[in-house]
Amino acid sequence: MPSRPVVAVACSGGRDSVALLHATLAAGRELGMRVVALHVHHGLMAEADRWACEVEALCERWNADFACERLQGSPASGESIEAWARRERYRALARMARGAGASIVLLGHHLHDQAETVLLQALRGAGPAGLAAMPRVVERDGLTWARPWLARTGPEIASYAATLDVQPAIDPSNADPRFARSRLREHVMPALRAAFPEADVALAAVARRAGEARAVLDDVAAEDLRRIAAGEALPLAPWRALSIARRTNALRAWLAQVLDAPVPQTLVDRLLAETADDTTRRWLVGGDRVLRSWRGALALVALARACVTPAGARADGALSLLRCDRYMLDGWDGALEVFSTDGCGIAPHLLAHLVVRVRAGGEQFQLHPGGIARSLKKQYQALGIPAEGRDGPLLFDAAGALLFVPGLGVDARAWAPAGVPQWGLRWTSPAQAAKAQPV
């Protein structure tokens, strides 16, 4: 016998979500659907444990399945509690929905919530994407997210909830003036509705029209990015040839793809102002990632982890490479490869006693025999090595002579004579280092 389709309902225990759960259960019985209530325990308030127990008891009373997940972690530095809680809540809902076998999650937002969201976004200076506010139906993370009551008012839902013989949970944060939505809900919206009775309907219409405008802008951006052959990298010359409006639109769409995160307007403004030419530049975008402008293209690249102390097999930075192999260096995000070579290598006995150091400035490197020893920066520039390709350990012999520099290779002054056994050195990326042997 085929299994029944599963519908998930996000249920905080508040009036709107409890009413939605009850209405969904009633419809589910008629349509042969299984309904599961998803509750997220934010762990931010003393009442959170009680709310979870109350929703579970309600599900038992109404014969609904119940799933609950408690959020872990805390907001990152500079991130608001609201933004963190919202992001983690949706992630938890998605995990629970998949675990229950549901392909759709119903959310209890209504017309007044939509109006508040539009106004908040406008006050934050949002464009069409922000003003589009909450979509009625959207596909995300392999799930359908739907808000069946987005055209219903708060009083309509309150009338329905009053018939259920349930005492909904009351979240005190809804009246906490520290939160922007609470201030708007408590002080601004009542006055706005008194002066403009149709304010909620009008603001919801703004959201619909902004959603239409956003769809058109997304189509234009996709066509522009396709035409200039943008993929993981954004070619700067053809991108700069676009009008400023289309250039901005395409940049915002490309950033959304590569960052897979909300795109700050400040980042868009900086890139528009600082990419007028092909000068090599980098912009930190958080964590261990940077946007790099290099050789006429903009790309997102990983930033190698900095090392603040000498790294090697022992605390003194000493290192012995006694065989051709690939070596993971403790404290460095990569590995060192030693291989046999016919030229431009080092006599093996010199690799038995090495010192590993962090680049400190002032080091001189010679690319070719008879050439001039120049600073690492100048040699990197001469070979076109990007900034992130310059990270890695420098190897010196016991007397302090520089032997090897990542990205440049073996210093020509250390090359073994032709015709004698010699080993080459290569610093590899973290992905290539996955099978390296610990030193």
Protein backbone atom coordinates (compact mmCIF):
# COMPACT_ATOMS: atom_id res chain seq x y z
CA MET A 1 0.00 0.00 0.00
CA PRO A 2 1.52 3.38 -0.99
CA SER A 3 2.52 5.66 1.87
CA ARG A 4 0.51 8.79 2.54
CA PRO A 5 1.94 12.15 1.41
CA VAL A 6 3.45 14.15 4.27
CA VAL A 7 2.84 17.83 4.93
CA ALA A 8 4.96 19.65 7.51
CA VAL A 9 3.75 22.67 9.48
CA ALA A 10 6.16 24.98 11.28
CA CYS A 11 4.60 25.38 14.71
CA SER A 12 6.11 27.70 17.31
CA GLY A 13 3.14 27.31 19.65
CA GLY A 14 1.92 30.85 18.92
CA ARG A 15 -1.60 31.67 17.78
CA ASP A 16 -0.98 31.77 14.04
CA SER A 17 1.02 28.55 13.76
CA VAL A 18 -1.32 26.63 16.07
CA ALA A 19 -4.31 27.72 13.98
CA LEU A 20 -2.49 26.68 10.79
CA LEU A 21 -1.65 23.27 12.27
CA HIS A 22 -5.30 22.68 13.19
CA ALA A 23 -6.55 23.74 9.73
CA THR A 24 -3.95 21.56 8.02
CA LEU A 25 -4.91 18.53 10.10
CA ALA A 26 -8.57 19.04 9.17
CA ALA A 27 -7.70 19.24 5.48
CA GLY A 28 -5.25 16.35 5.79
CA ARG A 29 -7.91 14.00 7.11
CA GLU A 30 -10.07 14.78 4.09
CA LEU A 31 -7.20 14.37 1.61
CA GLY A 32 -5.49 11.37 3.20
CA MET A 33 -2.31 13.25 4.17
CA ARG A 34 -0.05 12.76 7.17
CA VAL A 35 0.70 16.01 9.01
CA VAL A 36 3.82 16.61 11.11
CA ALA A 37 4.39 19.64 13.32
CA LEU A 38 7.96 21.01 13.30
CA HIS A 39 9.02 22.93 16.39
CA VAL A 40 12.32 24.81 16.72
CA HIS A 41 13.63 25.29 20.25
CA HIS A 42 15.72 28.47 20.00
CA GLY A 43 17.12 28.20 23.51
CA LEU A 44 16.94 31.99 23.88
CA MET A 45 14.20 32.31 26.49
CA ALA A 46 13.28 30.67 29.78
CA GLU A 47 9.88 29.72 28.35
CA ALA A 48 11.38 27.73 25.45
CA ASP A 49 11.27 24.36 27.23
CA ARG A 50 7.63 24.89 28.18
CA TRP A 51 6.65 25.88 24.64
CA ALA A 52 8.19 22.72 23.21
CA CYS A 53 6.31 20.57 25.74
CA GLU A 54 3.04 22.37 25.03
CA VAL A 55 3.33 21.89 21.25
CA GLU A 56 4.15 18.21 21.75
CA ALA A 57 1.13 17.79 24.02
CA LEU A 58 -1.07 19.57 21.50
CA CYS A 59 0.12 17.23 18.75
CA GLU A 60 -0.71 14.23 20.91
CA ARG A 61 -4.15 15.65 21.57
CA TRP A 62 -4.81 16.34 17.87
CA ASN A 63 -3.16 13.12 16.64
CA ALA A 64 -0.38 14.89 14.73
CA ASP A 65 3.23 13.76 14.40
CA PHE A 66 5.76 15.95 16.20
CA ALA A 67 9.43 16.79 15.59
CA CYS A 68 11.58 19.19 17.59
CA GLU A 69 15.15 20.43 17.21
CA ARG A 70 17.08 22.67 19.55
CA LEU A 71 19.38 25.23 17.95
CA GLN A 72 23.08 25.04 18.72
CA GLY A 73 25.72 27.75 18.58
CA SER A 74 25.36 31.52 18.74
CA PRO A 75 25.46 34.54 16.40
CA ALA A 76 28.77 35.36 14.76
CA SER A 77 30.53 38.58 15.70
CA GLY A 78 28.51 41.50 14.37
CA GLU A 79 25.47 39.36 13.51
CA SER A 80 22.13 40.19 15.10
CA ILE A 81 20.27 37.62 17.16
CA GLU A 82 17.27 38.09 14.85
CA ALA A 83 19.26 37.25 11.71
CA TRP A 84 21.01 34.28 13.34
CA ALA A 85 17.78 32.85 14.75
CA ARG A 86 15.94 33.22 11.45
CA ARG A 87 18.72 31.52 9.42
CA GLU A 88 19.18 28.66 11.85
CA ARG A 89 15.42 28.21 12.26
CA TYR A 90 14.93 27.61 8.56
CA ARG A 91 17.87 25.21 8.45
CA ALA A 92 16.40 23.24 11.34
CA LEU A 93 12.95 23.19 9.72
CA ALA A 94 14.47 21.86 6.49
CA ARG A 95 16.32 19.08 8.33
CA MET A 96 13.22 18.01 10.24
CA ALA A 97 11.00 18.13 7.16
CA ARG A 98 13.35 15.87 5.23
CA GLY A 99 13.61 13.54 8.20
CA ALA A 100 9.83 13.25 8.29
CA GLY A 101 9.61 12.58 4.55
CA ALA A 102 7.83 15.87 3.81
CA SER A 103 8.39 17.79 0.59
CA ILE A 104 6.39 20.87 1.64
CA VAL A 105 6.57 23.08 4.74
CA LEU A 106 3.66 25.39 5.60
CA LEU A 107 4.37 28.66 7.41
CA GLY A 108 1.80 30.73 9.30
CA HIS A 109 2.70 34.24 8.07
CA HIS A 110 -0.29 36.43 7.24
CA LEU A 111 -1.10 39.76 5.59
CA HIS A 112 -0.03 41.89 8.55
CA ASP A 113 3.32 40.06 8.76
CA GLN A 114 3.87 40.74 5.06
CA ALA A 115 3.08 44.45 5.43
CA GLU A 116 5.50 44.75 8.35
CA THR A 117 8.23 43.00 6.37
CA VAL A 118 7.83 45.32 3.37
CA LEU A 119 8.02 48.39 5.58
CA LEU A 120 11.05 47.08 7.47
CA GLN A 121 12.86 46.35 4.21
CA ALA A 122 12.03 49.81 2.88
CA LEU A 123 13.43 51.40 6.05
CA ARG A 124 16.63 49.39 5.52
CA GLY A 125 16.97 50.76 1.98
CA ALA A 126 16.19 47.47 0.26
CA GLY A 127 15.71 47.11 -3.48
CA PRO A 128 13.21 44.89 -5.32
CA ALA A 129 14.54 41.67 -3.75
CA GLY A 130 13.96 42.97 -0.23
CA LEU A 131 10.68 44.71 -0.99
CA ALA A 132 9.34 41.47 -2.49
CA ALA A 133 9.31 40.34 1.16
CA MET A 134 7.88 36.86 1.74
CA PRO A 135 6.80 34.83 -1.31
CA ARG A 136 3.58 32.86 -1.07
CA VAL A 137 5.31 29.79 -2.51
CA VAL A 138 9.02 29.23 -3.12
CA GLU A 139 11.26 26.25 -3.91
CA ARG A 140 14.40 26.18 -1.77
CA ASP A 141 16.75 23.50 -0.49
CA GLY A 142 14.77 20.83 -2.33
CA LEU A 143 11.59 21.74 -0.42
CA THR A 144 8.47 23.76 -1.18
CA TRP A 145 7.85 26.51 1.37
CA ALA A 146 4.29 27.83 1.33
CA ARG A 147 2.37 30.53 3.22
CA PRO A 148 -1.29 29.69 2.62
CA TRP A 149 -2.55 32.54 4.82
CA LEU A 150 -0.54 35.38 3.30
CA ALA A 151 -3.74 37.12 2.16
CA ARG A 152 -5.50 36.61 5.52
CA THR A 153 -5.46 39.26 8.25
CA GLY A 154 -4.41 38.79 11.84
CA PRO A 155 -7.98 39.30 13.17
CA GLU A 156 -9.32 36.64 10.78
CA ILE A 157 -6.83 34.11 12.11
CA ALA A 158 -7.56 35.19 15.68
CA SER A 159 -11.26 34.46 15.11
CA TYR A 160 -10.43 30.95 13.91
CA ALA A 161 -8.01 30.32 16.78
CA ALA A 162 -10.63 31.39 19.32
CA THR A 163 -12.71 28.31 18.46
CA LEU A 164 -9.93 25.81 19.22
CA ASP A 165 -9.94 25.71 23.04
CA VAL A 166 -6.18 26.24 23.07
CA GLN A 167 -4.04 28.69 25.02
CA PRO A 168 -1.35 29.74 22.51
CA ALA A 169 2.13 30.64 23.62
CA ILE A 170 2.91 34.36 23.91
CA ASP A 171 6.46 35.30 22.97
CA PRO A 172 7.56 38.31 25.07
CA SER A 173 10.16 39.23 22.46
CA ASN A 174 7.30 40.31 20.17
CA ALA A 175 6.96 43.38 22.39
CA ASP A 176 10.69 43.84 23.11
CA PRO A 177 11.75 47.32 21.86
CA ARG A 178 15.29 46.04 21.21
CA PHE A 179 14.00 44.38 18.05
CA ALA A 180 13.10 46.45 14.99
CA ARG A 181 10.02 44.41 14.10
CA SER A 182 8.69 44.72 17.65
CA ARG A 183 9.05 48.51 17.58
CA LEU A 184 7.34 48.65 14.22
CA ARG A 185 4.51 46.34 15.31
CA GLU A 186 3.86 48.05 18.64
CA HIS A 187 4.29 51.73 17.76
CA VAL A 188 4.24 52.33 13.99
CA MET A 189 1.71 49.96 12.42
CA PRO A 190 -1.23 50.89 14.69
CA ALA A 191 -0.79 54.58 13.85
CA LEU A 192 -0.31 53.80 10.16
CA ARG A 193 -3.46 51.68 10.02
CA ALA A 194 -5.42 54.37 11.85
CA ALA A 195 -4.38 56.97 9.28
CA PHE A 196 -4.49 54.60 6.27
CA PRO A 197 -6.93 51.70 6.83
CA GLU A 198 -5.80 49.93 3.63
CA ALA A 199 -2.09 50.15 4.50
CA ASP A 200 -1.61 46.38 4.85
CA VAL A 201 -3.24 45.63 1.51
CA ALA A 202 -1.24 48.39 -0.20
CA LEU A 203 2.05 47.20 1.24
CA ALA A 204 1.29 43.63 0.20
CA ALA A 205 0.69 44.95 -3.33
CA VAL A 206 4.14 46.57 -3.18
CA ALA A 207 5.59 43.14 -2.36
CA ARG A 208 3.86 41.54 -5.35
CA ARG A 209 5.06 44.21 -7.78
CA ALA A 210 8.57 44.14 -6.34
CA GLY A 211 8.58 40.37 -6.83
CA GLU A 212 7.66 40.83 -10.49
CA ALA A 213 10.41 43.45 -10.92
CA ARG A 214 12.92 41.18 -9.24
CA ALA A 215 12.04 38.33 -11.62
CA VAL A 216 12.69 40.59 -14.61
CA LEU A 217 16.00 41.78 -13.15
CA ASP A 218 17.03 38.18 -12.51
CA ASP A 219 16.29 37.30 -16.15
CA VAL A 220 18.30 40.28 -17.41
CA ALA A 221 21.23 39.41 -15.12
CA ALA A 222 21.21 35.78 -16.26
CA GLU A 223 21.29 36.86 -19.91
CA ASP A 224 24.08 39.40 -19.32
CA LEU A 225 26.20 36.89 -17.38
CA ARG A 226 25.69 34.29 -20.11
CA ARG A 227 26.65 36.77 -22.84
CA ILE A 228 29.89 37.87 -21.13
CA ALA A 229 30.75 34.21 -20.35
CA ALA A 230 30.70 34.65 -16.57
CA GLY A 231 30.96 31.49 -14.52
CA GLU A 232 33.14 30.92 -11.50
CA ALA A 233 35.03 34.02 -12.66
CA LEU A 234 33.55 37.33 -13.81
CA PRO A 235 35.42 38.75 -16.88
CA LEU A 236 35.88 42.41 -16.04
CA ALA A 237 36.27 44.02 -19.48
CA PRO A 238 32.95 42.83 -20.97
CA TRP A 239 31.25 43.39 -17.63
CA ARG A 240 32.48 47.00 -17.54
CA ALA A 241 31.05 47.49 -21.04
CA LEU A 242 27.51 47.08 -19.65
CA SER A 243 25.52 50.14 -18.62
CA ILE A 244 25.97 51.04 -14.96
CA ALA A 245 22.49 49.74 -14.08
CA ARG A 246 23.02 46.39 -15.82
CA ARG A 247 26.57 46.19 -14.50
CA THR A 248 25.30 46.57 -10.94
CA ASN A 249 22.50 44.09 -11.51
CA ALA A 250 24.83 41.49 -13.06
CA LEU A 251 27.41 41.92 -10.29
CA ARG A 252 24.82 41.43 -7.57
CA ALA A 253 23.50 38.28 -9.28
CA TRP A 254 27.00 36.86 -9.81
CA LEU A 255 27.97 37.53 -6.20
CA ALA A 256 24.81 35.79 -4.98
CA GLN A 257 25.83 32.71 -6.98
CA VAL A 258 29.45 32.47 -5.86
CA LEU A 259 28.97 33.58 -2.25
CA ASP A 260 25.81 31.50 -1.72
CA ALA A 261 24.84 34.08 0.91
CA PRO A 262 23.12 37.48 1.12
CA VAL A 263 25.09 40.13 -0.75
CA PRO A 264 25.82 43.28 1.29
CA GLN A 265 25.19 46.51 -0.61
CA THR A 266 28.46 47.84 0.81
CA LEU A 267 30.35 45.07 -1.03
CA VAL A 268 28.56 45.84 -4.30
CA ASP A 269 29.40 49.54 -3.93
CA ARG A 270 33.07 48.83 -3.20
CA LEU A 271 33.49 46.50 -6.16
CA LEU A 272 31.82 48.97 -8.53
CA ALA A 273 34.17 51.70 -7.33
CA GLU A 274 37.38 49.64 -7.18
CA THR A 275 37.28 47.57 -10.39
CA ALA A 276 37.64 50.38 -12.91
CA ASP A 277 40.87 48.74 -14.18
CA ASP A 278 42.57 45.34 -14.06
CA THR A 279 44.83 46.09 -11.09
CA THR A 280 45.23 43.08 -8.82
CA ARG A 281 43.17 43.59 -5.67
CA ARG A 282 41.53 41.48 -2.95
CA TRP A 283 38.40 41.95 -0.85
CA LEU A 284 37.85 39.83 2.26
CA VAL A 285 34.30 38.47 2.25
CA GLY A 286 34.36 36.62 5.57
CA GLY A 287 35.84 33.46 6.96
CA ASP A 288 38.68 32.15 4.81
CA ARG A 289 37.47 33.51 1.45
CA VAL A 290 38.43 36.53 -0.61
CA LEU A 291 37.28 38.03 -3.88
CA ARG A 292 40.30 38.53 -6.11
CA SER A 293 40.67 40.78 -9.13
CA TRP A 294 43.53 39.28 -11.13
CA ARG A 295 44.41 39.21 -14.82
CA GLY A 296 41.17 40.82 -15.88
CA ALA A 297 38.75 38.64 -13.92
CA LEU A 298 37.03 38.64 -10.56
CA ALA A 299 36.86 35.32 -8.71
CA LEU A 300 36.19 33.91 -5.25
CA VAL A 301 39.21 32.09 -3.87
CA ALA A 302 40.19 30.46 -0.60
CA LEU A 303 42.55 32.35 1.66
CA ALA A 304 45.25 30.13 3.08
CA ARG A 305 45.34 30.02 6.86
CA ALA A 306 47.97 32.30 8.34
CA CYS A 307 50.67 30.79 10.51
CA VAL A 308 52.15 32.97 13.24
CA THR A 309 54.90 30.63 14.42
CA PRO A 310 57.40 28.42 12.59
CA ALA A 311 55.75 25.15 11.60
CA GLY A 312 57.44 21.80 11.23
CA ALA A 313 57.95 18.43 12.79
CA ARG A 314 59.13 19.91 16.10
CA ALA A 315 58.68 23.10 18.08
CA ASP A 316 62.02 24.52 16.91
CA GLY A 317 60.87 24.48 13.26
CA ALA A 318 63.36 21.78 12.25
CA LEU A 319 62.38 19.43 9.43
CA SER A 320 63.90 16.36 7.80
CA LEU A 321 62.88 15.15 4.34
CA LEU A 322 64.53 11.76 3.94
CA ARG A 323 62.56 10.30 1.03
CA CYS A 324 60.53 11.31 -2.00
CA ASP A 325 56.98 11.62 -0.71
CA ARG A 326 54.31 14.16 0.19
CA TYR A 327 54.45 15.61 3.68
CA MET A 328 51.80 17.35 5.77
CA LEU A 329 53.40 20.11 7.84
CA ASP A 330 51.82 20.65 11.23
CA GLY A 331 50.24 24.10 11.39
CA TRP A 332 50.19 24.69 7.63
CA ASP A 333 47.19 24.37 5.33
CA GLY A 334 48.84 22.29 2.61
CA ALA A 335 51.58 19.76 2.00
CA LEU A 336 55.14 19.62 0.71
CA GLU A 337 55.92 17.25 -2.15
CA VAL A 338 59.44 15.86 -2.62
CA PHE A 339 60.16 14.21 -5.97
CA SER A 340 63.13 13.03 -8.03
CA THR A 341 64.12 15.36 -10.86
CA ASP A 342 66.80 15.70 -13.54
CA GLY A 343 67.38 19.39 -13.01
CA CYS A 344 66.68 22.48 -10.89
CA GLY A 345 66.67 20.30 -7.75
CA ILE A 346 68.58 20.02 -4.48
CA ALA A 347 71.13 17.40 -3.47
CA PRO A 348 69.18 15.00 -1.19
CA HIS A 349 71.59 15.30 1.72
CA LEU A 350 70.74 19.03 2.06
CA LEU A 351 67.12 18.14 2.81
CA ALA A 352 68.01 16.11 5.90
CA HIS A 353 68.36 19.24 8.05
CA LEU A 354 65.96 22.08 7.20
CA VAL A 355 64.39 24.97 9.01
CA VAL A 356 60.79 25.99 8.28
CA ARG A 357 59.90 29.66 8.63
CA VAL A 358 57.07 32.05 7.93
CA ARG A 359 57.75 34.73 5.34
CA ALA A 360 58.98 37.75 7.30
CA GLY A 361 60.02 40.18 4.57
CA GLY A 362 63.46 40.95 3.23
CA GLU A 363 64.09 37.44 1.82
CA GLN A 364 65.95 37.36 -1.51
CA PHE A 365 65.32 34.70 -4.17
CA GLN A 366 67.26 33.91 -7.36
CA LEU A 367 65.24 32.46 -10.21
CA HIS A 368 68.06 31.44 -12.58
CA PRO A 369 71.82 30.77 -12.33
CA GLY A 370 73.65 34.00 -13.00
CA GLY A 371 70.49 35.99 -12.36
CA ILE A 372 69.96 38.64 -9.72
CA ALA A 373 68.57 37.78 -6.32
CA ARG A 374 65.46 39.90 -5.83
CA SER A 375 62.76 40.25 -3.21
CA LEU A 376 60.05 37.60 -3.16
CA LYS A 377 57.45 40.24 -4.03
CA LYS A 378 59.27 41.22 -7.22
CA GLN A 379 59.82 37.61 -8.23
CA TYR A 380 56.14 36.79 -7.63
CA GLN A 381 55.11 39.78 -9.72
CA ALA A 382 57.47 38.80 -12.52
CA LEU A 383 55.91 35.32 -12.72
CA GLY A 384 52.34 36.55 -12.23
CA ILE A 385 51.78 34.54 -9.05
CA PRO A 386 48.51 35.71 -7.37
CA ALA A 387 48.52 36.72 -3.72
CA GLU A 388 46.89 33.52 -2.46
CA GLY A 389 49.51 31.48 -4.33
CA ARG A 390 52.24 33.06 -2.25
CA ASP A 391 51.25 31.51 1.07
CA GLY A 392 53.22 28.59 2.45
CA PRO A 393 56.38 27.69 4.35
CA LEU A 394 59.85 28.92 3.39
CA LEU A 395 62.63 26.31 3.69
CA PHE A 396 66.15 27.25 4.79
CA ASP A 397 69.25 25.16 5.31
CA ALA A 398 70.93 24.89 8.71
CA ALA A 399 73.16 27.89 7.90
CA GLY A 400 70.16 30.11 7.13
CA ALA A 401 70.36 30.08 3.32
CA LEU A 402 66.98 30.18 1.57
CA LEU A 403 66.37 26.95 -0.38
CA PHE A 404 62.71 26.87 -1.37
CA VAL A 405 59.79 29.29 -1.75
CA PRO A 406 56.20 28.14 -2.58
CA GLY A 407 55.19 29.32 -6.02
CA LEU A 408 58.79 30.08 -7.02
CA GLY A 409 60.47 26.73 -6.42
CA VAL A 410 64.07 25.98 -5.49
CA ASP A 411 66.45 28.93 -5.29
CA ALA A 412 68.91 28.70 -8.21
CA ARG A 413 71.84 29.12 -5.83
CA ALA A 414 70.89 25.76 -4.25
CA TRP A 415 70.57 23.78 -7.49
CA ALA A 416 72.63 20.59 -7.58
CA PRO A 417 75.12 20.19 -10.45
CA ALA A 418 73.81 18.51 -13.58
CA GLY A 419 74.20 14.74 -13.71
CA VAL A 420 74.03 14.10 -9.95
CA PRO A 421 70.97 12.83 -7.99
CA GLN A 422 68.67 15.65 -6.98
CA TRP A 423 65.22 16.18 -5.53
CA GLY A 424 62.65 18.81 -6.38
CA LEU A 425 60.19 20.48 -4.02
CA ARG A 426 56.62 21.59 -4.56
CA TRP A 427 54.07 23.11 -2.19
CA THR A 428 50.61 21.68 -2.91
CA SER A 429 47.11 22.96 -2.22
CA PRO A 430 44.98 21.57 0.64
CA ALA A 431 42.92 19.48 -1.80
CA GLN A 432 46.07 17.90 -3.24
CA ALA A 433 47.39 17.30 0.26
CA ALA A 434 44.56 15.03 1.35
CA LYS A 435 46.72 11.88 1.26
CA ALA A 436 49.96 13.42 2.46
CA GLN A 437 51.93 11.63 5.18
CA PRO A 438 52.28 13.47 8.52
CA VAL A 439 55.87 14.45 9.26
